[in-house]
Amino acid sequence: MSQHRTSRTALLRRGLVALATATTLLAGGLVVAPSAQAVPVVDLDSRGGTVVKTRMDAWGSVIEGDVTTDKLSAAKVRYEIDLDWSGGKLSVSDFDGVVTLQRVGAKQVRQFPVTVDRDGKRSGTIKLPGTLTPGSYRVGIEFTARVKRPDGRSMWHRVDVNNAETVSVRRETVLDASITTPRATDGRSSRITGRVRALSVSADGDVYWSTLRSGTVQLSYYPGGLFRNEAEPVSVRPLTIDRYGKFTTVVPARDRIWVLDYAGTKQLNPDGRFVVQGPERSCGC
């Protein structure tokens, strides 16, 4: 049986198609290159003829771990800040701000001091222990800034945005699957069986894999092989993970690449596998 993880391979396949499409559109001037796209506006503050426009974006991460060493990667939240102003000159030295982080449903608000450069921009990464509770987190910004008008008067802007972006910090998952007749292609009944495990941490700090006992896994297949065409995978059926931690189904044996995808949750990262049926092949399949 040949089994391959889909999370990277599928992204590579889709990425190659997307890259070719984007290149064509960029050449025709139909889309803007990502580096030229504006960061979303989250606040607009006007004071005495001066304006400060706050742009902010943020991204979550996946906590990974090593069960042999009980080590976890950091939980990271990356952010980008871009301030625009008019009606005067922003005093960077008087800027006093924090980036805020709050798990949805929790009371605690973490604050991380932040400054901006002369152009009003700053990007950074918040690093927290991998034992951080996974889930959805609100990323915001609070600051005061002084804009000096041409007549010498200073206008103080106070900005408080508690939810500029909601990001996910998830724990790593691993989907394993196998098929009973990996070389058969004659239509006989073949059983696909698997499980999904999630990275977990015990009360005393041990890192281990726990088997999920609920949820669903989507079964699909690529009709022409993974890299042979640009067709999307054909959906077959959702598979339920039972109370014993297994999912299983029967399929007809074909020369086919079966695709199993776990969609993840707010706390758990998606993962997937290719189960290759038919003649031995490399992947490249």
C-alpha atoms as a PDB file:
ATOM      1  CA  MET A   1       0.000   0.000   0.000  1.00  0.00           C
ATOM      2  CA  SER A   2       1.298   3.413  -0.965  1.00  0.00           C
ATOM      3  CA  GLN A   3       0.200   6.238   1.297  1.00  0.00           C
ATOM      4  CA  HIS A   4       1.095   9.906   1.039  1.00  0.00           C
ATOM      5  CA  ARG A   5       0.233  12.911   3.130  1.00  0.00           C
ATOM      6  CA  THR A   6      -1.959  15.376   1.223  1.00  0.00           C
ATOM      7  CA  SER A   7      -1.477  18.564   3.187  1.00  0.00           C
ATOM      8  CA  ARG A   8       1.731  19.506   1.352  1.00  0.00           C
ATOM      9  CA  THR A   9       1.335  17.570  -1.879  1.00  0.00           C
ATOM     10  CA  ALA A  10      -2.172  18.839  -2.566  1.00  0.00           C
ATOM     11  CA  LEU A  11      -1.093  22.379  -1.801  1.00  0.00           C
ATOM     12  CA  LEU A  12       1.812  21.971  -4.215  1.00  0.00           C
ATOM     13  CA  ARG A  13      -0.510  20.725  -6.952  1.00  0.00           C
ATOM     14  CA  ARG A  14      -2.987  23.525  -6.409  1.00  0.00           C
ATOM     15  CA  GLY A  15      -0.150  25.999  -6.070  1.00  0.00           C
ATOM     16  CA  LEU A  16       1.325  25.116  -9.450  1.00  0.00           C
ATOM     17  CA  VAL A  17      -2.042  25.662 -11.115  1.00  0.00           C
ATOM     18  CA  ALA A  18      -2.630  28.902  -9.174  1.00  0.00           C
ATOM     19  CA  LEU A  19       0.844  30.183 -10.032  1.00  0.00           C
ATOM     20  CA  ALA A  20       0.309  29.655 -13.736  1.00  0.00           C
ATOM     21  CA  THR A  21      -3.099  31.346 -13.572  1.00  0.00           C
ATOM     22  CA  ALA A  22      -1.819  34.283 -11.523  1.00  0.00           C
ATOM     23  CA  THR A  23       1.122  34.799 -13.852  1.00  0.00           C
ATOM     24  CA  THR A  24      -1.245  35.086 -16.801  1.00  0.00           C
ATOM     25  CA  LEU A  25      -3.538  37.513 -14.973  1.00  0.00           C
ATOM     26  CA  LEU A  26      -0.660  39.644 -13.749  1.00  0.00           C
ATOM     27  CA  ALA A  27       0.737  39.871 -17.264  1.00  0.00           C
ATOM     28  CA  GLY A  28      -2.629  41.160 -18.419  1.00  0.00           C
ATOM     29  CA  GLY A  29      -2.930  43.631 -15.551  1.00  0.00           C
ATOM     30  CA  LEU A  30      -6.065  41.909 -14.235  1.00  0.00           C
ATOM     31  CA  VAL A  31      -4.942  41.430 -10.633  1.00  0.00           C
ATOM     32  CA  VAL A  32      -2.638  43.158  -8.186  1.00  0.00           C
ATOM     33  CA  ALA A  33       0.474  41.358  -7.007  1.00  0.00           C
ATOM     34  CA  PRO A  34       0.195  40.293  -3.331  1.00  0.00           C
ATOM     35  CA  SER A  35       3.020  42.614  -2.267  1.00  0.00           C
ATOM     36  CA  ALA A  36       1.035  45.561  -3.633  1.00  0.00           C
ATOM     37  CA  GLN A  37      -2.249  44.698  -1.932  1.00  0.00           C
ATOM     38  CA  ALA A  38      -3.260  47.011   0.907  1.00  0.00           C
ATOM     39  CA  VAL A  39      -3.512  45.822   4.491  1.00  0.00           C
ATOM     40  CA  PRO A  40      -7.189  46.025   5.626  1.00  0.00           C
ATOM     41  CA  VAL A  41      -8.371  49.279   7.216  1.00  0.00           C
ATOM     42  CA  VAL A  42      -9.528  48.699  10.812  1.00  0.00           C
ATOM     43  CA  ASP A  43      -9.917  52.280  12.128  1.00  0.00           C
ATOM     44  CA  LEU A  44     -10.189  55.888  10.937  1.00  0.00           C
ATOM     45  CA  ASP A  45      -9.713  58.618  13.572  1.00  0.00           C
ATOM     46  CA  SER A  46     -10.211  62.340  12.844  1.00  0.00           C
ATOM     47  CA  ARG A  47      -9.076  65.137  15.171  1.00  0.00           C
ATOM     48  CA  GLY A  48      -8.936  68.863  14.438  1.00  0.00           C
ATOM     49  CA  GLY A  49      -8.345  68.513  10.726  1.00  0.00           C
ATOM     50  CA  THR A  50      -5.899  65.601  11.060  1.00  0.00           C
ATOM     51  CA  VAL A  51      -6.669  61.981  10.226  1.00  0.00           C
ATOM     52  CA  VAL A  52      -4.978  58.724  11.232  1.00  0.00           C
ATOM     53  CA  LYS A  53      -5.956  55.646   9.243  1.00  0.00           C
ATOM     54  CA  THR A  54      -5.032  52.326  10.847  1.00  0.00           C
ATOM     55  CA  ARG A  55      -4.490  49.225   8.758  1.00  0.00           C
ATOM     56  CA  MET A  56      -3.793  45.847  10.334  1.00  0.00           C
ATOM     57  CA  ASP A  57      -3.695  42.194   9.412  1.00  0.00           C
ATOM     58  CA  ALA A  58      -2.734  39.045  11.340  1.00  0.00           C
ATOM     59  CA  TRP A  59      -2.139  35.325  10.855  1.00  0.00           C
ATOM     60  CA  GLY A  60      -2.185  32.341  13.220  1.00  0.00           C
ATOM     61  CA  SER A  61      -0.074  29.192  13.269  1.00  0.00           C
ATOM     62  CA  VAL A  62       0.029  25.471  13.965  1.00  0.00           C
ATOM     63  CA  ILE A  63       1.582  24.114  17.165  1.00  0.00           C
ATOM     64  CA  GLU A  64       3.743  21.106  16.328  1.00  0.00           C
ATOM     65  CA  GLY A  65       5.463  18.737  18.716  1.00  0.00           C
ATOM     66  CA  ASP A  66       7.904  15.893  19.223  1.00  0.00           C
ATOM     67  CA  VAL A  67       6.479  13.123  21.402  1.00  0.00           C
ATOM     68  CA  THR A  68       9.936  11.575  21.924  1.00  0.00           C
ATOM     69  CA  THR A  69      11.355  14.718  23.524  1.00  0.00           C
ATOM     70  CA  ASP A  70       8.129  16.258  24.881  1.00  0.00           C
ATOM     71  CA  LYS A  71       8.933  19.473  23.042  1.00  0.00           C
ATOM     72  CA  LEU A  72       6.363  21.798  21.481  1.00  0.00           C
ATOM     73  CA  SER A  73       6.904  24.506  18.904  1.00  0.00           C
ATOM     74  CA  ALA A  74       5.942  28.034  19.873  1.00  0.00           C
ATOM     75  CA  ALA A  75       2.433  29.288  19.257  1.00  0.00           C
ATOM     76  CA  LYS A  76       2.986  32.188  16.866  1.00  0.00           C
ATOM     77  CA  VAL A  77       0.761  35.060  15.792  1.00  0.00           C
ATOM     78  CA  ARG A  78       2.165  37.263  13.050  1.00  0.00           C
ATOM     79  CA  TYR A  79       0.870  40.796  12.498  1.00  0.00           C
ATOM     80  CA  GLU A  80       1.343  43.700  10.128  1.00  0.00           C
ATOM     81  CA  ILE A  81       0.561  47.348  10.950  1.00  0.00           C
ATOM     82  CA  ASP A  82       0.387  50.197   8.443  1.00  0.00           C
ATOM     83  CA  LEU A  83      -0.591  53.732   9.512  1.00  0.00           C
ATOM     84  CA  ASP A  84      -1.499  56.563   7.143  1.00  0.00           C
ATOM     85  CA  TRP A  85      -2.011  60.148   8.283  1.00  0.00           C
ATOM     86  CA  SER A  86      -2.960  63.498   6.815  1.00  0.00           C
ATOM     87  CA  GLY A  87      -3.292  67.105   7.930  1.00  0.00           C
ATOM     88  CA  GLY A  88       0.101  67.158   9.607  1.00  0.00           C
ATOM     89  CA  LYS A  89       3.143  65.095  10.546  1.00  0.00           C
ATOM     90  CA  LEU A  90       3.043  61.972  12.710  1.00  0.00           C
ATOM     91  CA  SER A  91       5.477  62.057  15.638  1.00  0.00           C
ATOM     92  CA  VAL A  92       6.910  58.556  15.750  1.00  0.00           C
ATOM     93  CA  SER A  93       8.720  59.275  19.024  1.00  0.00           C
ATOM     94  CA  ASP A  94       5.379  59.992  20.729  1.00  0.00           C
ATOM     95  CA  PHE A  95       3.709  56.823  19.473  1.00  0.00           C
ATOM     96  CA  ASP A  96       2.714  54.601  22.420  1.00  0.00           C
ATOM     97  CA  GLY A  97       1.010  51.350  21.507  1.00  0.00           C
ATOM     98  CA  VAL A  98       0.380  47.686  22.195  1.00  0.00           C
ATOM     99  CA  VAL A  99      -0.807  44.771  20.088  1.00  0.00           C
ATOM    100  CA  THR A 100      -3.526  42.862  21.944  1.00  0.00           C
ATOM    101  CA  LEU A 101      -4.343  39.159  21.874  1.00  0.00           C
ATOM    102  CA  GLN A 102      -7.470  37.613  23.372  1.00  0.00           C
ATOM    103  CA  ARG A 103      -8.817  34.095  22.981  1.00  0.00           C
ATOM    104  CA  VAL A 104     -12.469  34.158  21.900  1.00  0.00           C
ATOM    105  CA  GLY A 105     -14.606  33.417  24.953  1.00  0.00           C
ATOM    106  CA  ALA A 106     -11.860  34.269  27.475  1.00  0.00           C
ATOM    107  CA  LYS A 107     -11.498  37.387  29.636  1.00  0.00           C
ATOM    108  CA  GLN A 108      -7.711  37.690  29.639  1.00  0.00           C
ATOM    109  CA  VAL A 109      -6.239  40.195  27.186  1.00  0.00           C
ATOM    110  CA  ARG A 110      -2.514  39.892  26.544  1.00  0.00           C
ATOM    111  CA  GLN A 111      -0.655  43.052  25.553  1.00  0.00           C
ATOM    112  CA  PHE A 112       2.611  43.331  23.630  1.00  0.00           C
ATOM    113  CA  PRO A 113       4.371  46.720  23.250  1.00  0.00           C
ATOM    114  CA  VAL A 114       4.774  47.890  19.671  1.00  0.00           C
ATOM    115  CA  THR A 115       6.357  50.833  17.877  1.00  0.00           C
ATOM    116  CA  VAL A 116       6.162  51.970  14.263  1.00  0.00           C
ATOM    117  CA  ASP A 117       8.829  53.137  11.850  1.00  0.00           C
ATOM    118  CA  ARG A 118       8.895  56.588  10.260  1.00  0.00           C
ATOM    119  CA  ASP A 119       6.683  55.337   7.446  1.00  0.00           C
ATOM    120  CA  GLY A 120       4.076  54.192   9.979  1.00  0.00           C
ATOM    121  CA  LYS A 121       4.679  50.507   9.343  1.00  0.00           C
ATOM    122  CA  ARG A 122       5.663  47.606  11.545  1.00  0.00           C
ATOM    123  CA  SER A 123       5.432  43.837  11.274  1.00  0.00           C
ATOM    124  CA  GLY A 124       6.222  41.349  13.989  1.00  0.00           C
ATOM    125  CA  THR A 125       5.570  37.951  15.498  1.00  0.00           C
ATOM    126  CA  ILE A 126       4.147  37.190  18.931  1.00  0.00           C
ATOM    127  CA  LYS A 127       5.637  33.964  20.310  1.00  0.00           C
ATOM    128  CA  LEU A 128       3.902  32.137  23.151  1.00  0.00           C
ATOM    129  CA  PRO A 129       4.503  28.693  24.692  1.00  0.00           C
ATOM    130  CA  GLY A 130       3.169  25.709  22.752  1.00  0.00           C
ATOM    131  CA  THR A 131       1.009  24.882  25.774  1.00  0.00           C
ATOM    132  CA  LEU A 132      -1.192  27.853  24.837  1.00  0.00           C
ATOM    133  CA  THR A 133      -4.852  26.865  24.653  1.00  0.00           C
ATOM    134  CA  PRO A 134      -5.619  26.341  20.949  1.00  0.00           C
ATOM    135  CA  GLY A 135      -8.566  28.125  19.369  1.00  0.00           C
ATOM    136  CA  SER A 136      -9.617  31.421  17.830  1.00  0.00           C
ATOM    137  CA  TYR A 137      -7.827  34.582  18.941  1.00  0.00           C
ATOM    138  CA  ARG A 138      -8.722  38.226  18.409  1.00  0.00           C
ATOM    139  CA  VAL A 139      -5.761  40.373  17.406  1.00  0.00           C
ATOM    140  CA  GLY A 140      -6.085  44.107  17.999  1.00  0.00           C
ATOM    141  CA  ILE A 141      -4.159  47.307  18.571  1.00  0.00           C
ATOM    142  CA  GLU A 142      -4.325  50.169  21.066  1.00  0.00           C
ATOM    143  CA  PHE A 143      -2.234  53.305  20.725  1.00  0.00           C
ATOM    144  CA  THR A 144      -1.967  57.038  21.151  1.00  0.00           C
ATOM    145  CA  ALA A 145      -0.240  59.100  18.461  1.00  0.00           C
ATOM    146  CA  ARG A 146       0.472  62.788  17.991  1.00  0.00           C
ATOM    147  CA  VAL A 147       0.014  64.536  14.648  1.00  0.00           C
ATOM    148  CA  LYS A 148       1.518  68.028  14.484  1.00  0.00           C
ATOM    149  CA  ARG A 149      -0.381  70.394  12.185  1.00  0.00           C
ATOM    150  CA  PRO A 150       1.371  73.005   9.995  1.00  0.00           C
ATOM    151  CA  ASP A 151       0.223  75.744  12.421  1.00  0.00           C
ATOM    152  CA  GLY A 152       2.152  74.064  15.244  1.00  0.00           C
ATOM    153  CA  ARG A 153      -0.840  72.641  17.128  1.00  0.00           C
ATOM    154  CA  SER A 154      -0.721  68.951  18.083  1.00  0.00           C
ATOM    155  CA  MET A 155      -3.675  66.615  17.710  1.00  0.00           C
ATOM    156  CA  TRP A 156      -3.610  63.451  19.850  1.00  0.00           C
ATOM    157  CA  HIS A 157      -5.259  60.387  18.377  1.00  0.00           C
ATOM    158  CA  ARG A 158      -6.386  57.518  20.593  1.00  0.00           C
ATOM    159  CA  VAL A 159      -7.169  54.265  18.808  1.00  0.00           C
ATOM    160  CA  ASP A 160      -8.582  51.112  20.420  1.00  0.00           C
ATOM    161  CA  VAL A 161      -9.357  48.213  18.067  1.00  0.00           C
ATOM    162  CA  ASN A 162      -9.944  44.953  19.926  1.00  0.00           C
ATOM    163  CA  ASN A 163     -10.620  42.764  16.893  1.00  0.00           C
ATOM    164  CA  ALA A 164      -8.679  43.835  13.834  1.00  0.00           C
ATOM    165  CA  GLU A 165      -8.456  40.181  12.787  1.00  0.00           C
ATOM    166  CA  THR A 166      -9.455  36.801  14.233  1.00  0.00           C
ATOM    167  CA  VAL A 167      -6.833  34.094  13.737  1.00  0.00           C
ATOM    168  CA  SER A 168      -6.576  30.405  14.560  1.00  0.00           C
ATOM    169  CA  VAL A 169      -3.894  28.790  16.680  1.00  0.00           C
ATOM    170  CA  ARG A 170      -4.267  25.059  16.158  1.00  0.00           C
ATOM    171  CA  ARG A 171      -2.623  21.835  17.270  1.00  0.00           C
ATOM    172  CA  GLU A 172      -1.082  19.484  14.735  1.00  0.00           C
ATOM    173  CA  THR A 173      -3.053  16.428  13.579  1.00  0.00           C
ATOM    174  CA  VAL A 174      -2.043  13.294  11.668  1.00  0.00           C
ATOM    175  CA  LEU A 175      -4.381  11.219   9.511  1.00  0.00           C
ATOM    176  CA  ASP A 176      -3.332   7.602   8.829  1.00  0.00           C
ATOM    177  CA  ALA A 177      -5.127   5.309   6.361  1.00  0.00           C
ATOM    178  CA  SER A 178      -4.687   2.006   4.529  1.00  0.00           C
ATOM    179  CA  ILE A 179      -6.514  -0.072   1.918  1.00  0.00           C
ATOM    180  CA  THR A 180      -6.908  -3.866   1.918  1.00  0.00           C
ATOM    181  CA  THR A 181      -6.086  -4.500  -1.772  1.00  0.00           C
ATOM    182  CA  PRO A 182      -3.527  -1.878  -2.789  1.00  0.00           C
ATOM    183  CA  ARG A 183      -2.669  -3.457  -6.174  1.00  0.00           C
ATOM    184  CA  ALA A 184      -6.144  -4.609  -7.269  1.00  0.00           C
ATOM    185  CA  THR A 185      -7.943  -2.766 -10.092  1.00  0.00           C
ATOM    186  CA  ASP A 186     -10.657  -5.299 -10.988  1.00  0.00           C
ATOM    187  CA  GLY A 187     -13.563  -3.751  -9.091  1.00  0.00           C
ATOM    188  CA  ARG A 188     -13.475  -6.126  -6.135  1.00  0.00           C
ATOM    189  CA  SER A 189     -14.479  -4.745  -2.729  1.00  0.00           C
ATOM    190  CA  SER A 190     -11.636  -2.938  -1.000  1.00  0.00           C
ATOM    191  CA  ARG A 191     -11.806  -1.574   2.526  1.00  0.00           C
ATOM    192  CA  ILE A 192     -10.242   1.745   3.487  1.00  0.00           C
ATOM    193  CA  THR A 193      -9.595   2.132   7.197  1.00  0.00           C
ATOM    194  CA  GLY A 194      -7.919   4.895   9.165  1.00  0.00           C
ATOM    195  CA  ARG A 195      -7.730   7.148  12.183  1.00  0.00           C
ATOM    196  CA  VAL A 196      -6.964  10.769  13.053  1.00  0.00           C
ATOM    197  CA  ARG A 197      -4.640  11.650  15.925  1.00  0.00           C
ATOM    198  CA  ALA A 198      -4.117  15.041  17.546  1.00  0.00           C
ATOM    199  CA  LEU A 199      -1.134  16.421  19.401  1.00  0.00           C
ATOM    200  CA  SER A 200      -1.968  16.576  23.099  1.00  0.00           C
ATOM    201  CA  VAL A 201      -0.272  17.661  26.315  1.00  0.00           C
ATOM    202  CA  SER A 202      -0.856  16.005  29.692  1.00  0.00           C
ATOM    203  CA  ALA A 203      -1.136  17.899  32.979  1.00  0.00           C
ATOM    204  CA  ASP A 204       2.505  17.096  33.798  1.00  0.00           C
ATOM    205  CA  GLY A 205       3.770  18.242  30.387  1.00  0.00           C
ATOM    206  CA  ASP A 206       4.023  14.976  28.475  1.00  0.00           C
ATOM    207  CA  VAL A 207       3.442  15.400  24.732  1.00  0.00           C
ATOM    208  CA  TYR A 208       1.548  12.556  23.078  1.00  0.00           C
ATOM    209  CA  TRP A 209      -0.812  11.665  20.228  1.00  0.00           C
ATOM    210  CA  SER A 210      -4.458  11.177  21.209  1.00  0.00           C
ATOM    211  CA  THR A 211      -6.865   9.405  18.849  1.00  0.00           C
ATOM    212  CA  LEU A 212      -9.971  11.380  17.890  1.00  0.00           C
ATOM    213  CA  ARG A 213     -13.246   9.586  18.634  1.00  0.00           C
ATOM    214  CA  SER A 214     -15.608  11.878  16.757  1.00  0.00           C
ATOM    215  CA  GLY A 215     -15.694  13.974  13.601  1.00  0.00           C
ATOM    216  CA  THR A 216     -15.692  13.182   9.896  1.00  0.00           C
ATOM    217  CA  VAL A 217     -13.189  12.490   7.129  1.00  0.00           C
ATOM    218  CA  GLN A 218     -14.047  13.268   3.505  1.00  0.00           C
ATOM    219  CA  LEU A 219     -13.307  10.568   0.903  1.00  0.00           C
ATOM    220  CA  SER A 220     -12.597  11.730  -2.666  1.00  0.00           C
ATOM    221  CA  TYR A 221     -10.433  10.719  -5.621  1.00  0.00           C
ATOM    222  CA  TYR A 222      -8.603  12.341  -8.502  1.00  0.00           C
ATOM    223  CA  PRO A 223     -10.156  11.041 -11.745  1.00  0.00           C
ATOM    224  CA  GLY A 224      -7.018  11.399 -13.857  1.00  0.00           C
ATOM    225  CA  GLY A 225      -4.238  11.094 -11.326  1.00  0.00           C
ATOM    226  CA  LEU A 226      -2.719  13.724  -9.124  1.00  0.00           C
ATOM    227  CA  PHE A 227      -0.737  15.679 -11.736  1.00  0.00           C
ATOM    228  CA  ARG A 228      -2.346  14.465 -14.963  1.00  0.00           C
ATOM    229  CA  ASN A 229      -5.019  17.141 -15.190  1.00  0.00           C
ATOM    230  CA  GLU A 230      -6.413  20.148 -13.387  1.00  0.00           C
ATOM    231  CA  ALA A 231      -9.702  18.526 -12.373  1.00  0.00           C
ATOM    232  CA  GLU A 232     -10.828  18.933  -8.781  1.00  0.00           C
ATOM    233  CA  PRO A 233     -11.112  15.721  -6.736  1.00  0.00           C
ATOM    234  CA  VAL A 234     -14.444  13.894  -7.087  1.00  0.00           C
ATOM    235  CA  SER A 235     -16.277  13.649  -3.765  1.00  0.00           C
ATOM    236  CA  VAL A 236     -17.355  10.134  -2.755  1.00  0.00           C
ATOM    237  CA  ARG A 237     -18.761  10.375   0.784  1.00  0.00           C
ATOM    238  CA  PRO A 238     -18.033  11.621   4.303  1.00  0.00           C
ATOM    239  CA  LEU A 239     -16.754   8.968   6.723  1.00  0.00           C
ATOM    240  CA  THR A 240     -17.650   9.147  10.409  1.00  0.00           C
ATOM    241  CA  ILE A 241     -14.978   8.616  13.041  1.00  0.00           C
ATOM    242  CA  ASP A 242     -16.536   6.173  15.519  1.00  0.00           C
ATOM    243  CA  ARG A 243     -16.195   5.965  19.293  1.00  0.00           C
ATOM    244  CA  TYR A 244     -13.285   3.550  18.869  1.00  0.00           C
ATOM    245  CA  GLY A 245     -11.342   6.136  16.903  1.00  0.00           C
ATOM    246  CA  LYS A 246     -11.676   4.499  13.475  1.00  0.00           C
ATOM    247  CA  PHE A 247     -13.249   5.413  10.161  1.00  0.00           C
ATOM    248  CA  THR A 248     -13.850   2.813   7.471  1.00  0.00           C
ATOM    249  CA  THR A 249     -15.630   2.292   4.159  1.00  0.00           C
ATOM    250  CA  VAL A 250     -15.736  -0.120   1.216  1.00  0.00           C
ATOM    251  CA  VAL A 251     -14.833   1.022  -2.317  1.00  0.00           C
ATOM    252  CA  PRO A 252     -14.469  -0.800  -5.649  1.00  0.00           C
ATOM    253  CA  ALA A 253     -10.837  -1.537  -6.538  1.00  0.00           C
ATOM    254  CA  ARG A 254      -9.628   0.837  -9.251  1.00  0.00           C
ATOM    255  CA  ASP A 255      -6.415   2.290 -10.624  1.00  0.00           C
ATOM    256  CA  ARG A 256      -7.019   5.350  -8.538  1.00  0.00           C
ATOM    257  CA  ILE A 257      -5.651   7.820  -6.021  1.00  0.00           C
ATOM    258  CA  TRP A 258      -8.036   7.971  -3.078  1.00  0.00           C
ATOM    259  CA  VAL A 259      -7.982  11.198  -1.075  1.00  0.00           C
ATOM    260  CA  LEU A 260      -8.859  11.373   2.625  1.00  0.00           C
ATOM    261  CA  ASP A 261      -9.212  14.815   4.211  1.00  0.00           C
ATOM    262  CA  TYR A 262      -9.838  15.810   7.810  1.00  0.00           C
ATOM    263  CA  ALA A 263     -11.121  19.396   7.795  1.00  0.00           C
ATOM    264  CA  GLY A 264      -9.962  20.230  11.308  1.00  0.00           C
ATOM    265  CA  THR A 265     -11.651  22.421  13.914  1.00  0.00           C
ATOM    266  CA  LYS A 266     -10.957  25.761  15.569  1.00  0.00           C
ATOM    267  CA  GLN A 267      -8.473  23.909  17.793  1.00  0.00           C
ATOM    268  CA  LEU A 268      -7.146  21.189  15.471  1.00  0.00           C
ATOM    269  CA  ASN A 269      -5.316  21.627  12.168  1.00  0.00           C
ATOM    270  CA  PRO A 270      -6.577  19.952   8.966  1.00  0.00           C
ATOM    271  CA  ASP A 271      -4.667  16.976   7.587  1.00  0.00           C
ATOM    272  CA  GLY A 272      -5.061  14.429   4.825  1.00  0.00           C
ATOM    273  CA  ARG A 273      -3.643  11.412   3.014  1.00  0.00           C
ATOM    274  CA  PHE A 274      -3.432   9.951  -0.460  1.00  0.00           C
ATOM    275  CA  VAL A 275      -4.059   6.210  -0.607  1.00  0.00           C
ATOM    276  CA  VAL A 276      -2.799   4.939  -3.954  1.00  0.00           C
ATOM    277  CA  GLN A 277      -4.454   1.870  -5.473  1.00  0.00           C
ATOM    278  CA  GLY A 278      -3.208   0.123  -8.584  1.00  0.00           C
ATOM    279  CA  PRO A 279       0.238  -0.506 -10.090  1.00  0.00           C
ATOM    280  CA  GLU A 280       3.313   0.498  -8.106  1.00  0.00           C
ATOM    281  CA  ARG A 281       4.233   4.083  -8.890  1.00  0.00           C
ATOM    282  CA  SER A 282       6.165   6.991  -7.478  1.00  0.00           C
ATOM    283  CA  CYS A 283       4.349  10.138  -6.378  1.00  0.00           C
ATOM    284  CA  GLY A 284       4.567  11.975  -9.118  1.00  0.00           C
ATOM    285  CA  CYS A 285       1.397   9.771  -9.350  1.00  0.00           C
END
